[in-house]
Amino acid sequence: MEFSEIREEVKKLGFELLRTDTKDYFEAVIIKEELAKLEERLKKFFGEPAWPAKDELSSEIQKKINSFGGIMPGQTLYCKKDGRDSIFAMLWPWQDGLRTTVKIMHK
């Protein structure tokens, strides 16, 4: 499954707000009721999250995700190699506990 396929699969969910949808980047806000469905789709494509995990992220991955805001405690990162590039999905929960920003990128 390539970036475009995962992007199209994820877009089938109910998002509160679509911020960006380009050939290499997707960003939206998802509501709490749809989050489990999103995580299920992401795990099918990526497997288990790369963060949080017991191992630290490689410097290569950190460098790539820093341009999209990086990853901090409480957030989730999925990643998968796609040839020379990588595909990432980042979940940033809001403090209201009701929304999560979703960023999916091909870099």
C-alpha atoms as a PDB file:
ATOM      1  CA  MET A   1       0.000   0.000   0.000  1.00  0.00           C
ATOM      2  CA  GLU A   2       1.445   3.341  -1.024  1.00  0.00           C
ATOM      3  CA  PHE A   3       0.916   6.790   0.465  1.00  0.00           C
ATOM      4  CA  SER A   4      -1.977   7.571  -1.872  1.00  0.00           C
ATOM      5  CA  GLU A   5      -3.766   4.364  -0.859  1.00  0.00           C
ATOM      6  CA  ILE A   6      -3.451   4.957   2.889  1.00  0.00           C
ATOM      7  CA  ARG A   7      -4.505   8.599   2.390  1.00  0.00           C
ATOM      8  CA  GLU A   8      -7.628   7.524   0.486  1.00  0.00           C
ATOM      9  CA  GLU A   9      -8.445   4.842   3.071  1.00  0.00           C
ATOM     10  CA  VAL A  10      -8.123   7.312   5.937  1.00  0.00           C
ATOM     11  CA  LYS A  11     -10.233   9.939   4.139  1.00  0.00           C
ATOM     12  CA  LYS A  12     -13.238   7.597   4.413  1.00  0.00           C
ATOM     13  CA  LEU A  13     -13.431   8.427   8.129  1.00  0.00           C
ATOM     14  CA  GLY A  14     -15.405  11.269   9.679  1.00  0.00           C
ATOM     15  CA  PHE A  15     -13.095  14.239  10.116  1.00  0.00           C
ATOM     16  CA  GLU A  16     -14.127  17.424  11.848  1.00  0.00           C
ATOM     17  CA  LEU A  17     -11.772  19.504   9.725  1.00  0.00           C
ATOM     18  CA  LEU A  18      -9.644  18.786   6.662  1.00  0.00           C
ATOM     19  CA  ARG A  19      -6.615  21.098   6.725  1.00  0.00           C
ATOM     20  CA  THR A  20      -4.402  19.826   3.886  1.00  0.00           C
ATOM     21  CA  ASP A  21      -4.728  17.115   1.251  1.00  0.00           C
ATOM     22  CA  THR A  22      -1.903  16.971  -1.311  1.00  0.00           C
ATOM     23  CA  LYS A  23      -0.066  14.161  -3.077  1.00  0.00           C
ATOM     24  CA  ASP A  24       2.550  13.932  -0.263  1.00  0.00           C
ATOM     25  CA  TYR A  25       0.793  15.354   2.804  1.00  0.00           C
ATOM     26  CA  PHE A  26      -2.536  14.957   4.564  1.00  0.00           C
ATOM     27  CA  GLU A  27      -3.596  16.806   7.707  1.00  0.00           C
ATOM     28  CA  ALA A  28      -6.977  16.768   9.413  1.00  0.00           C
ATOM     29  CA  VAL A  29      -8.676  16.875  12.791  1.00  0.00           C
ATOM     30  CA  ILE A  30     -10.533  13.740  13.811  1.00  0.00           C
ATOM     31  CA  ILE A  31     -13.109  13.445  16.574  1.00  0.00           C
ATOM     32  CA  LYS A  32     -12.743  11.014  19.455  1.00  0.00           C
ATOM     33  CA  GLU A  33     -15.509   8.714  18.182  1.00  0.00           C
ATOM     34  CA  GLU A  34     -13.566   8.054  14.950  1.00  0.00           C
ATOM     35  CA  LEU A  35     -10.093   7.699  16.502  1.00  0.00           C
ATOM     36  CA  ALA A  36     -10.238   3.916  17.094  1.00  0.00           C
ATOM     37  CA  LYS A  37     -11.190   3.364  13.438  1.00  0.00           C
ATOM     38  CA  LEU A  38      -8.266   5.521  12.341  1.00  0.00           C
ATOM     39  CA  GLU A  39      -5.807   3.666  14.569  1.00  0.00           C
ATOM     40  CA  GLU A  40      -7.080   0.336  13.220  1.00  0.00           C
ATOM     41  CA  ARG A  41      -6.416   1.451   9.630  1.00  0.00           C
ATOM     42  CA  LEU A  42      -2.991   2.836  10.515  1.00  0.00           C
ATOM     43  CA  LYS A  43      -1.966  -0.403  12.252  1.00  0.00           C
ATOM     44  CA  LYS A  44      -2.999  -2.424   9.179  1.00  0.00           C
ATOM     45  CA  PHE A  45      -0.659  -0.359   7.054  1.00  0.00           C
ATOM     46  CA  PHE A  46       2.194   0.467   9.451  1.00  0.00           C
ATOM     47  CA  GLY A  47       2.033  -2.204  12.137  1.00  0.00           C
ATOM     48  CA  GLU A  48       2.618  -1.104  15.722  1.00  0.00           C
ATOM     49  CA  PRO A  49       3.555   2.532  16.405  1.00  0.00           C
ATOM     50  CA  ALA A  50       7.221   3.529  16.291  1.00  0.00           C
ATOM     51  CA  TRP A  51       6.475   5.967  19.126  1.00  0.00           C
ATOM     52  CA  PRO A  52       5.780   5.546  21.947  1.00  0.00           C
ATOM     53  CA  ALA A  53       8.138   2.607  22.135  1.00  0.00           C
ATOM     54  CA  LYS A  54      10.900   1.381  24.386  1.00  0.00           C
ATOM     55  CA  ASP A  55      13.530   2.184  21.753  1.00  0.00           C
ATOM     56  CA  GLU A  56      14.447   5.709  20.726  1.00  0.00           C
ATOM     57  CA  LEU A  57      13.722   6.912  17.215  1.00  0.00           C
ATOM     58  CA  SER A  58      16.638   6.899  14.805  1.00  0.00           C
ATOM     59  CA  SER A  59      18.218  10.246  13.974  1.00  0.00           C
ATOM     60  CA  GLU A  60      17.080   9.795  10.359  1.00  0.00           C
ATOM     61  CA  ILE A  61      13.428   9.483  11.412  1.00  0.00           C
ATOM     62  CA  GLN A  62      13.701  12.363  13.888  1.00  0.00           C
ATOM     63  CA  LYS A  63      15.194  14.604  11.219  1.00  0.00           C
ATOM     64  CA  LYS A  64      12.382  13.805   8.779  1.00  0.00           C
ATOM     65  CA  ILE A  65       9.528  14.336  11.265  1.00  0.00           C
ATOM     66  CA  ASN A  66      10.975  17.498  12.820  1.00  0.00           C
ATOM     67  CA  SER A  67       9.934  19.493   9.757  1.00  0.00           C
ATOM     68  CA  PHE A  68       6.324  18.502  10.581  1.00  0.00           C
ATOM     69  CA  GLY A  69       6.509  19.462  14.250  1.00  0.00           C
ATOM     70  CA  GLY A  70       8.335  16.435  15.692  1.00  0.00           C
ATOM     71  CA  ILE A  71       6.890  14.020  18.216  1.00  0.00           C
ATOM     72  CA  MET A  72       6.486  14.449  21.982  1.00  0.00           C
ATOM     73  CA  PRO A  73       5.191  12.384  24.903  1.00  0.00           C
ATOM     74  CA  GLY A  74       1.467  11.697  24.563  1.00  0.00           C
ATOM     75  CA  GLN A  75       1.642  11.682  20.773  1.00  0.00           C
ATOM     76  CA  THR A  76       1.846   8.677  18.436  1.00  0.00           C
ATOM     77  CA  LEU A  77       4.065   8.064  15.425  1.00  0.00           C
ATOM     78  CA  TYR A  78       3.741   5.368  12.792  1.00  0.00           C
ATOM     79  CA  CYS A  79       6.371   4.961  10.082  1.00  0.00           C
ATOM     80  CA  LYS A  80       7.216   2.688   7.196  1.00  0.00           C
ATOM     81  CA  LYS A  81       9.968   2.697   4.584  1.00  0.00           C
ATOM     82  CA  ASP A  82       8.783   3.260   1.018  1.00  0.00           C
ATOM     83  CA  GLY A  83      11.858   2.703  -1.138  1.00  0.00           C
ATOM     84  CA  ARG A  84      14.286   5.530  -0.429  1.00  0.00           C
ATOM     85  CA  ASP A  85      11.581   7.580   1.260  1.00  0.00           C
ATOM     86  CA  SER A  86       9.347   6.942   4.250  1.00  0.00           C
ATOM     87  CA  ILE A  87       5.676   7.308   5.058  1.00  0.00           C
ATOM     88  CA  PHE A  88       4.757   8.708   8.467  1.00  0.00           C
ATOM     89  CA  ALA A  89       1.533   9.150  10.390  1.00  0.00           C
ATOM     90  CA  MET A  90       1.451  11.331  13.483  1.00  0.00           C
ATOM     91  CA  LEU A  91      -1.399  11.614  15.964  1.00  0.00           C
ATOM     92  CA  TRP A  92      -1.451  14.670  18.192  1.00  0.00           C
ATOM     93  CA  PRO A  93      -4.248  14.551  20.784  1.00  0.00           C
ATOM     94  CA  TRP A  94      -5.741  17.893  21.796  1.00  0.00           C
ATOM     95  CA  GLN A  95      -5.946  18.878  25.439  1.00  0.00           C
ATOM     96  CA  ASP A  96      -9.752  18.891  25.225  1.00  0.00           C
ATOM     97  CA  GLY A  97      -9.670  15.079  24.948  1.00  0.00           C
ATOM     98  CA  LEU A  98     -12.180  15.245  22.081  1.00  0.00           C
ATOM     99  CA  ARG A  99     -10.027  15.862  19.022  1.00  0.00           C
ATOM    100  CA  THR A 100      -6.765  14.633  17.513  1.00  0.00           C
ATOM    101  CA  THR A 101      -4.722  16.187  14.739  1.00  0.00           C
ATOM    102  CA  VAL A 102      -3.684  13.605  12.152  1.00  0.00           C
ATOM    103  CA  LYS A 103      -0.671  14.198   9.924  1.00  0.00           C
ATOM    104  CA  ILE A 104       0.278  11.675   7.241  1.00  0.00           C
ATOM    105  CA  MET A 105       3.237  12.417   5.030  1.00  0.00           C
ATOM    106  CA  HIS A 106       5.474  10.899   2.394  1.00  0.00           C
ATOM    107  CA  LYS A 107       9.028  12.164   2.770  1.00  0.00           C
END
